[in-house]
């Protein structure tokens, strides 16, 4: 995995290193991939559970994506693990 490769990590931008977008306040936004905009109720529940657990502000964007704001850098690996495992 390129993202986990320590030899290439310095070549990546912050957003790629953490699989999240850094915000002005130093927290990150996480945008789970929803292929074709179709999502099952179970996957929506997982997104909601993760957002609630990590106290993330969530919204549906104009591009019909689910944005989750306020993630701390130290929580990003756990957030992504829980989203992917779900």
Protein backbone atom coordinates (compact mmCIF):
# COMPACT_ATOMS: atom_id res chain seq x y z
CA UNK A 1 0.00 0.00 0.00
CA UNK A 2 1.59 3.26 -1.11
CA UNK A 3 -0.05 5.20 1.72
CA UNK A 4 1.61 2.97 4.32
CA UNK A 5 5.01 2.90 2.55
CA UNK A 6 7.45 4.87 4.76
CA UNK A 7 9.84 5.44 1.82
CA UNK A 8 7.14 7.25 -0.17
CA UNK A 9 5.28 8.93 2.68
CA UNK A 10 7.29 12.17 2.39
CA UNK A 11 6.23 12.51 -1.25
CA UNK A 12 2.56 12.62 -0.38
CA UNK A 13 0.50 15.69 0.35
CA UNK A 14 -1.11 15.97 3.77
CA UNK A 15 -4.51 14.96 2.41
CA UNK A 16 -3.06 11.78 0.91
CA UNK A 17 -1.02 10.88 4.00
CA UNK A 18 -4.05 10.92 6.24
CA UNK A 19 -6.77 9.98 3.71
CA UNK A 20 -8.57 13.13 4.84
CA UNK A 21 -8.70 16.83 4.07
CA UNK A 22 -7.08 19.17 6.57
CA UNK A 23 -9.32 22.03 7.68
CA UNK A 24 -8.37 25.55 8.79
CA UNK A 25 -8.77 24.65 12.46
CA UNK A 26 -6.29 21.75 12.20
CA UNK A 27 -8.91 19.00 12.24
CA UNK A 28 -9.68 16.83 9.23
CA UNK A 29 -12.72 16.01 7.14
CA UNK A 30 -13.35 12.44 6.10
CA UNK A 31 -15.38 11.64 2.99
CA UNK A 32 -16.27 7.97 2.67
CA UNK A 33 -16.62 6.75 -0.88
CA UNK A 34 -20.20 6.01 -1.91
CA UNK A 35 -19.95 4.51 -5.38
CA UNK A 36 -22.68 5.79 -7.68
CA UNK A 37 -24.36 7.44 -4.70
CA UNK A 38 -26.02 4.17 -3.76
CA UNK A 39 -25.69 3.06 -0.17
CA UNK A 40 -27.35 0.41 1.95
CA UNK A 41 -29.09 1.23 5.23
CA UNK A 42 -26.45 -0.80 7.09
CA UNK A 43 -23.64 1.27 5.59
CA UNK A 44 -25.46 4.49 6.48
CA UNK A 45 -25.72 3.23 10.05
CA UNK A 46 -21.97 2.52 10.13
CA UNK A 47 -21.19 6.04 8.90
CA UNK A 48 -23.54 7.46 11.53
CA UNK A 49 -22.08 5.30 14.28
CA UNK A 50 -18.52 6.36 13.43
CA UNK A 51 -19.54 10.03 13.20
CA UNK A 52 -21.26 9.82 16.58
CA UNK A 53 -18.36 7.95 18.24
CA UNK A 54 -15.78 10.52 17.11
CA UNK A 55 -18.11 13.53 17.52
CA UNK A 56 -17.93 14.45 13.83
CA UNK A 57 -20.13 17.10 12.24
CA UNK A 58 -21.75 15.55 9.17
CA UNK A 59 -23.48 16.95 6.12
CA UNK A 60 -24.54 15.96 2.64
CA UNK A 61 -22.65 18.13 0.16
CA UNK A 62 -23.95 19.66 -3.04
CA UNK A 63 -22.07 16.86 -4.81
CA UNK A 64 -24.21 14.36 -2.88
CA UNK A 65 -21.30 13.16 -0.77
CA UNK A 66 -21.28 12.61 2.95
CA UNK A 67 -18.70 14.87 4.60
CA UNK A 68 -17.65 14.23 8.19
CA UNK A 69 -15.82 17.16 9.82
CA UNK A 70 -13.77 17.59 12.99
CA UNK A 71 -11.69 14.41 12.94
CA UNK A 72 -8.50 14.48 14.97
CA UNK A 73 -5.35 13.27 13.26
CA UNK A 74 -4.80 10.59 15.90
CA UNK A 75 -8.29 9.17 15.23
CA UNK A 76 -8.04 8.94 11.43
CA UNK A 77 -6.68 5.39 11.25
CA UNK A 78 -9.41 4.15 13.59
CA UNK A 79 -12.11 6.07 11.72
CA UNK A 80 -11.06 4.62 8.36
CA UNK A 81 -10.64 1.12 9.82
CA UNK A 82 -14.14 1.19 11.25
CA UNK A 83 -15.63 2.56 8.01
CA UNK A 84 -13.84 0.01 5.83
CA UNK A 85 -14.50 -2.95 8.13
CA UNK A 86 -18.19 -1.99 8.21
